């Protein structure tokens, strides 16, 4: 898998939504309240968004670098 493909996949909102949903359903299954599951899902989505932004910006910045002789 190319680096570009990996970054696109890890920054996918669908991926983070699926992860948050899976963990929330596990919490409910193991007897935690729905309120706790909701809070954990919100944290995962917020963290996923920040993580995806950092990775995508770092990748974009690395593509826009030039050497001294190229300017």
C-alpha atoms as a PDB file:
ATOM      1  CA  UNK A   1       0.000   0.000   0.000  1.00  0.00           C
ATOM      2  CA  UNK A   2       1.376   3.374  -0.948  1.00  0.00           C
ATOM      3  CA  UNK A   3       1.846   6.096   1.663  1.00  0.00           C
ATOM      4  CA  UNK A   4      -0.786   8.283  -0.039  1.00  0.00           C
ATOM      5  CA  UNK A   5      -3.366   5.482   0.152  1.00  0.00           C
ATOM      6  CA  UNK A   6      -2.627   4.857   3.815  1.00  0.00           C
ATOM      7  CA  UNK A   7      -3.031   8.538   4.702  1.00  0.00           C
ATOM      8  CA  UNK A   8      -6.307   8.738   2.801  1.00  0.00           C
ATOM      9  CA  UNK A   9      -7.649   5.678   4.590  1.00  0.00           C
ATOM     10  CA  UNK A  10      -6.542   6.717   8.088  1.00  0.00           C
ATOM     11  CA  UNK A  11      -8.062  10.175   7.621  1.00  0.00           C
ATOM     12  CA  UNK A  12     -11.413   8.761   6.528  1.00  0.00           C
ATOM     13  CA  UNK A  13     -14.366   9.876   8.644  1.00  0.00           C
ATOM     14  CA  UNK A  14     -16.042   6.576   7.839  1.00  0.00           C
ATOM     15  CA  UNK A  15     -13.186   4.658   9.463  1.00  0.00           C
ATOM     16  CA  UNK A  16     -13.330   6.704  12.656  1.00  0.00           C
ATOM     17  CA  UNK A  17     -17.116   6.434  12.787  1.00  0.00           C
ATOM     18  CA  UNK A  18     -16.889   2.650  12.433  1.00  0.00           C
ATOM     19  CA  UNK A  19     -14.276   2.445  15.210  1.00  0.00           C
ATOM     20  CA  UNK A  20     -16.319   4.675  17.520  1.00  0.00           C
ATOM     21  CA  UNK A  21     -19.491   2.684  16.835  1.00  0.00           C
ATOM     22  CA  UNK A  22     -17.755  -0.639  17.466  1.00  0.00           C
ATOM     23  CA  UNK A  23     -16.300   0.472  20.801  1.00  0.00           C
ATOM     24  CA  UNK A  24     -19.576   2.090  21.901  1.00  0.00           C
ATOM     25  CA  UNK A  25     -21.477  -1.116  21.173  1.00  0.00           C
ATOM     26  CA  UNK A  26     -18.875  -3.119  23.091  1.00  0.00           C
ATOM     27  CA  UNK A  27     -19.338  -0.834  26.095  1.00  0.00           C
ATOM     28  CA  UNK A  28     -23.105  -1.274  25.996  1.00  0.00           C
ATOM     29  CA  UNK A  29     -22.707  -5.035  25.571  1.00  0.00           C
ATOM     30  CA  UNK A  30     -20.515  -5.252  28.656  1.00  0.00           C
ATOM     31  CA  UNK A  31     -23.057  -3.401  30.781  1.00  0.00           C
ATOM     32  CA  UNK A  32     -21.949   0.215  30.694  1.00  0.00           C
ATOM     33  CA  UNK A  33     -24.574   2.899  30.313  1.00  0.00           C
ATOM     34  CA  UNK A  34     -25.408   4.458  26.968  1.00  0.00           C
ATOM     35  CA  UNK A  35     -24.221   7.804  28.329  1.00  0.00           C
ATOM     36  CA  UNK A  36     -20.715   6.428  28.842  1.00  0.00           C
ATOM     37  CA  UNK A  37     -20.770   4.846  25.380  1.00  0.00           C
ATOM     38  CA  UNK A  38     -21.773   8.204  23.896  1.00  0.00           C
ATOM     39  CA  UNK A  39     -18.989  10.034  25.708  1.00  0.00           C
ATOM     40  CA  UNK A  40     -16.389   7.501  24.604  1.00  0.00           C
ATOM     41  CA  UNK A  41     -17.644   7.714  21.004  1.00  0.00           C
ATOM     42  CA  UNK A  42     -17.372  11.492  21.094  1.00  0.00           C
ATOM     43  CA  UNK A  43     -13.795  11.260  22.351  1.00  0.00           C
ATOM     44  CA  UNK A  44     -12.848   8.784  19.629  1.00  0.00           C
ATOM     45  CA  UNK A  45     -14.359  10.961  16.913  1.00  0.00           C
ATOM     46  CA  UNK A  46     -12.645  14.083  18.252  1.00  0.00           C
ATOM     47  CA  UNK A  47      -9.312  12.286  18.553  1.00  0.00           C
ATOM     48  CA  UNK A  48      -9.690  10.740  15.115  1.00  0.00           C
ATOM     49  CA  UNK A  49     -10.369  14.118  13.575  1.00  0.00           C
ATOM     50  CA  UNK A  50      -7.316  15.682  15.195  1.00  0.00           C
ATOM     51  CA  UNK A  51      -5.137  12.699  14.264  1.00  0.00           C
ATOM     52  CA  UNK A  52      -6.309  12.759  10.654  1.00  0.00           C
ATOM     53  CA  UNK A  53      -5.730  16.517  10.405  1.00  0.00           C
ATOM     54  CA  UNK A  54      -2.188  16.265  11.765  1.00  0.00           C
ATOM     55  CA  UNK A  55      -1.272  13.385   9.447  1.00  0.00           C
ATOM     56  CA  UNK A  56      -2.823  15.018   6.370  1.00  0.00           C
ATOM     57  CA  UNK A  57      -1.206  18.408   7.022  1.00  0.00           C
ATOM     58  CA  UNK A  58       2.177  16.824   7.634  1.00  0.00           C
ATOM     59  CA  UNK A  59       1.892  14.878   4.403  1.00  0.00           C
ATOM     60  CA  UNK A  60       0.803  17.965   2.453  1.00  0.00           C
ATOM     61  CA  UNK A  61       3.640  20.025   3.931  1.00  0.00           C
ATOM     62  CA  UNK A  62       6.167  17.362   3.018  1.00  0.00           C
ATOM     63  CA  UNK A  63       4.950  17.443  -0.594  1.00  0.00           C
ATOM     64  CA  UNK A  64       5.350  21.240  -0.793  1.00  0.00           C
ATOM     65  CA  UNK A  65       8.969  21.419   0.356  1.00  0.00           C
ATOM     66  CA  UNK A  66      11.566  22.674  -2.087  1.00  0.00           C
ATOM     67  CA  UNK A  67      15.329  22.705  -1.965  1.00  0.00           C
ATOM     68  CA  UNK A  68      17.390  25.899  -2.171  1.00  0.00           C
ATOM     69  CA  UNK A  69      18.321  25.359  -5.803  1.00  0.00           C
ATOM     70  CA  UNK A  70      14.741  24.870  -7.002  1.00  0.00           C
ATOM     71  CA  UNK A  71      13.411  28.336  -6.172  1.00  0.00           C
END
